[in-house]
Amino acid sequence: MFRIPRLLQRHPYERLKYRSSDDSLTFDFVFWHLSEDDGWRIYVINSIDYGSHDHSSHDAHWLHDPRDTYKYICWAGKIDTFDQAKAVASLWADATALYVKPNEYRSFNQIVSDINH
């Protein structure tokens, strides 16, 4: 569940914490509204211990723009609204929490597919 600040000011970004559904990890996200044409980008502020799992951008579904400090969630398509961005972030966080478990042998994509069914 997202912890939302008391006063949300009008600016192009929001910083929110999210606790994974299985209660194993807390994520610190910055939701940045790029523009009406480009939609939202979700930066992952905290580092994630992937253990022995592949943590490449392809396998763990994150990207990094060399102009930015932090990684951001890899998502196909435009994220139009803040509510959509929060839904994407929670899905990614819940999948990541399962993916990093020591005895987890499913791919990130398989975990996302299982969560959505």
C-alpha atoms as a PDB file:
ATOM      1  CA  MET A   1       0.000   0.000   0.000  1.00  0.00           C
ATOM      2  CA  PHE A   2       1.285   3.454  -0.853  1.00  0.00           C
ATOM      3  CA  ARG A   3       1.979   5.876   1.944  1.00  0.00           C
ATOM      4  CA  ILE A   4       0.775   9.206   0.566  1.00  0.00           C
ATOM      5  CA  PRO A   5       2.022  12.492   2.026  1.00  0.00           C
ATOM      6  CA  ARG A   6      -0.552  14.596   3.833  1.00  0.00           C
ATOM      7  CA  LEU A   7      -0.319  17.555   1.479  1.00  0.00           C
ATOM      8  CA  LEU A   8       0.170  16.803  -2.183  1.00  0.00           C
ATOM      9  CA  GLN A   9       1.504  19.898  -3.870  1.00  0.00           C
ATOM     10  CA  ARG A  10       1.162  20.564  -7.582  1.00  0.00           C
ATOM     11  CA  HIS A  11       4.521  19.720  -9.116  1.00  0.00           C
ATOM     12  CA  PRO A  12       5.656  17.300 -11.831  1.00  0.00           C
ATOM     13  CA  TYR A  13       6.569  14.547  -9.394  1.00  0.00           C
ATOM     14  CA  GLU A  14       5.476  12.684  -6.270  1.00  0.00           C
ATOM     15  CA  ARG A  15       7.660  10.590  -3.985  1.00  0.00           C
ATOM     16  CA  LEU A  16       5.891   7.656  -2.335  1.00  0.00           C
ATOM     17  CA  LYS A  17       6.849   4.546  -0.412  1.00  0.00           C
ATOM     18  CA  TYR A  18       5.297   1.173  -1.195  1.00  0.00           C
ATOM     19  CA  ARG A  19       5.361  -1.983   0.915  1.00  0.00           C
ATOM     20  CA  SER A  20       5.168  -5.169  -1.173  1.00  0.00           C
ATOM     21  CA  SER A  21       2.032  -7.282  -0.820  1.00  0.00           C
ATOM     22  CA  ASP A  22       4.001 -10.059   0.865  1.00  0.00           C
ATOM     23  CA  ASP A  23       5.395  -7.462   3.319  1.00  0.00           C
ATOM     24  CA  SER A  24       8.999  -8.406   2.509  1.00  0.00           C
ATOM     25  CA  LEU A  25      10.298  -5.200   0.893  1.00  0.00           C
ATOM     26  CA  THR A  26       9.708  -1.466   0.987  1.00  0.00           C
ATOM     27  CA  PHE A  27      10.237   0.518  -2.180  1.00  0.00           C
ATOM     28  CA  ASP A  28      10.886   4.225  -2.512  1.00  0.00           C
ATOM     29  CA  PHE A  29       9.510   5.570  -5.788  1.00  0.00           C
ATOM     30  CA  VAL A  30       9.541   8.951  -7.467  1.00  0.00           C
ATOM     31  CA  PHE A  31       6.732   9.342  -9.977  1.00  0.00           C
ATOM     32  CA  TRP A  32       7.745  11.942 -12.541  1.00  0.00           C
ATOM     33  CA  HIS A  33       5.312  13.442 -15.009  1.00  0.00           C
ATOM     34  CA  LEU A  34       7.471  13.967 -18.110  1.00  0.00           C
ATOM     35  CA  SER A  35       4.824  15.651 -20.267  1.00  0.00           C
ATOM     36  CA  GLU A  36       1.345  15.092 -21.649  1.00  0.00           C
ATOM     37  CA  ASP A  37       2.901  13.402 -24.679  1.00  0.00           C
ATOM     38  CA  ASP A  38       5.333  11.205 -22.729  1.00  0.00           C
ATOM     39  CA  GLY A  39       3.291  10.432 -19.607  1.00  0.00           C
ATOM     40  CA  TRP A  40       4.786   9.261 -16.310  1.00  0.00           C
ATOM     41  CA  ARG A  41       8.140   7.666 -15.443  1.00  0.00           C
ATOM     42  CA  ILE A  42       8.632   5.759 -12.179  1.00  0.00           C
ATOM     43  CA  TYR A  43      12.083   6.002 -10.623  1.00  0.00           C
ATOM     44  CA  VAL A  44      13.266   3.447  -8.061  1.00  0.00           C
ATOM     45  CA  ILE A  45      15.177   5.383  -5.402  1.00  0.00           C
ATOM     46  CA  ASN A  46      16.222   2.571  -3.076  1.00  0.00           C
ATOM     47  CA  SER A  47      18.678  -0.163  -3.999  1.00  0.00           C
ATOM     48  CA  ILE A  48      17.404  -3.721  -4.286  1.00  0.00           C
ATOM     49  CA  ASP A  49      19.341  -6.813  -3.245  1.00  0.00           C
ATOM     50  CA  TYR A  50      18.694  -9.320  -6.016  1.00  0.00           C
ATOM     51  CA  GLY A  51      20.780 -12.006  -4.323  1.00  0.00           C
ATOM     52  CA  SER A  52      21.785 -14.642  -6.853  1.00  0.00           C
ATOM     53  CA  HIS A  53      19.064 -13.643  -9.324  1.00  0.00           C
ATOM     54  CA  ASP A  54      19.927 -11.873 -12.542  1.00  0.00           C
ATOM     55  CA  HIS A  55      19.565  -8.150 -11.935  1.00  0.00           C
ATOM     56  CA  SER A  56      20.224  -6.990 -15.479  1.00  0.00           C
ATOM     57  CA  SER A  57      17.880  -4.363 -16.789  1.00  0.00           C
ATOM     58  CA  HIS A  58      16.315  -6.846 -19.203  1.00  0.00           C
ATOM     59  CA  ASP A  59      15.627  -9.586 -16.643  1.00  0.00           C
ATOM     60  CA  ALA A  60      14.618  -7.331 -13.742  1.00  0.00           C
ATOM     61  CA  HIS A  61      12.653  -4.838 -15.886  1.00  0.00           C
ATOM     62  CA  TRP A  62      14.357  -1.572 -15.139  1.00  0.00           C
ATOM     63  CA  LEU A  63      16.047   1.011 -17.332  1.00  0.00           C
ATOM     64  CA  HIS A  64      18.630   3.703 -16.725  1.00  0.00           C
ATOM     65  CA  ASP A  65      19.047   6.918 -18.631  1.00  0.00           C
ATOM     66  CA  PRO A  66      22.698   8.077 -18.365  1.00  0.00           C
ATOM     67  CA  ARG A  67      21.389  11.592 -17.646  1.00  0.00           C
ATOM     68  CA  ASP A  68      19.532  10.317 -14.551  1.00  0.00           C
ATOM     69  CA  THR A  69      20.811   9.196 -11.169  1.00  0.00           C
ATOM     70  CA  TYR A  70      18.282   6.433 -10.581  1.00  0.00           C
ATOM     71  CA  LYS A  71      16.907   3.443 -12.423  1.00  0.00           C
ATOM     72  CA  TYR A  72      13.305   3.539 -13.556  1.00  0.00           C
ATOM     73  CA  ILE A  73      10.683   0.886 -14.195  1.00  0.00           C
ATOM     74  CA  CYS A  74      10.669  -0.591 -17.670  1.00  0.00           C
ATOM     75  CA  TRP A  75       7.108  -0.469 -18.962  1.00  0.00           C
ATOM     76  CA  ALA A  76       5.821  -0.985 -22.498  1.00  0.00           C
ATOM     77  CA  GLY A  77       3.649   1.908 -23.561  1.00  0.00           C
ATOM     78  CA  LYS A  78       2.770   5.275 -22.165  1.00  0.00           C
ATOM     79  CA  ILE A  79       1.599   5.646 -18.577  1.00  0.00           C
ATOM     80  CA  ASP A  80      -1.061   8.353 -18.867  1.00  0.00           C
ATOM     81  CA  THR A  81      -2.148   9.047 -15.285  1.00  0.00           C
ATOM     82  CA  PHE A  82      -0.738   9.109 -11.787  1.00  0.00           C
ATOM     83  CA  ASP A  83      -3.165   6.331 -10.813  1.00  0.00           C
ATOM     84  CA  GLN A  84      -1.875   4.168 -13.678  1.00  0.00           C
ATOM     85  CA  ALA A  85       1.691   4.908 -12.563  1.00  0.00           C
ATOM     86  CA  LYS A  86       0.892   3.771  -9.011  1.00  0.00           C
ATOM     87  CA  ALA A  87      -0.650   0.550 -10.363  1.00  0.00           C
ATOM     88  CA  VAL A  88       2.448  -0.111 -12.510  1.00  0.00           C
ATOM     89  CA  ALA A  89       4.747   0.568  -9.563  1.00  0.00           C
ATOM     90  CA  SER A  90       2.825  -1.750  -7.233  1.00  0.00           C
ATOM     91  CA  LEU A  91       2.819  -4.561  -9.822  1.00  0.00           C
ATOM     92  CA  TRP A  92       6.556  -4.120 -10.454  1.00  0.00           C
ATOM     93  CA  ALA A  93       7.310  -3.982  -6.714  1.00  0.00           C
ATOM     94  CA  ASP A  94       5.252  -7.085  -5.914  1.00  0.00           C
ATOM     95  CA  ALA A  95       6.867  -8.984  -8.792  1.00  0.00           C
ATOM     96  CA  THR A  96      10.335  -7.837  -7.703  1.00  0.00           C
ATOM     97  CA  ALA A  97       9.693  -8.912  -4.103  1.00  0.00           C
ATOM     98  CA  LEU A  98       8.850 -12.416  -5.333  1.00  0.00           C
ATOM     99  CA  TYR A  99      11.656 -12.479  -7.920  1.00  0.00           C
ATOM    100  CA  VAL A 100      14.404 -11.810  -5.341  1.00  0.00           C
ATOM    101  CA  LYS A 101      13.330 -14.582  -2.958  1.00  0.00           C
ATOM    102  CA  PRO A 102      16.158 -17.122  -2.565  1.00  0.00           C
ATOM    103  CA  ASN A 103      14.135 -20.139  -3.721  1.00  0.00           C
ATOM    104  CA  GLU A 104      12.298 -18.369  -6.550  1.00  0.00           C
ATOM    105  CA  TYR A 105      13.026 -19.905  -9.951  1.00  0.00           C
ATOM    106  CA  ARG A 106      10.403 -18.181 -12.110  1.00  0.00           C
ATOM    107  CA  SER A 107      11.376 -15.362 -14.419  1.00  0.00           C
ATOM    108  CA  PHE A 108      10.200 -11.840 -13.689  1.00  0.00           C
ATOM    109  CA  ASN A 109       7.847 -12.102 -16.675  1.00  0.00           C
ATOM    110  CA  GLN A 110       6.350 -15.350 -15.368  1.00  0.00           C
ATOM    111  CA  ILE A 111       5.800 -13.817 -11.932  1.00  0.00           C
ATOM    112  CA  VAL A 112       4.012 -10.819 -13.474  1.00  0.00           C
ATOM    113  CA  SER A 113       1.876 -13.168 -15.553  1.00  0.00           C
ATOM    114  CA  ASP A 114       1.014 -15.220 -12.447  1.00  0.00           C
ATOM    115  CA  ILE A 115       0.131 -12.101 -10.448  1.00  0.00           C
ATOM    116  CA  ASN A 116      -2.195 -10.885 -13.210  1.00  0.00           C
ATOM    117  CA  HIS A 117      -4.133 -14.176 -13.361  1.00  0.00           C
END
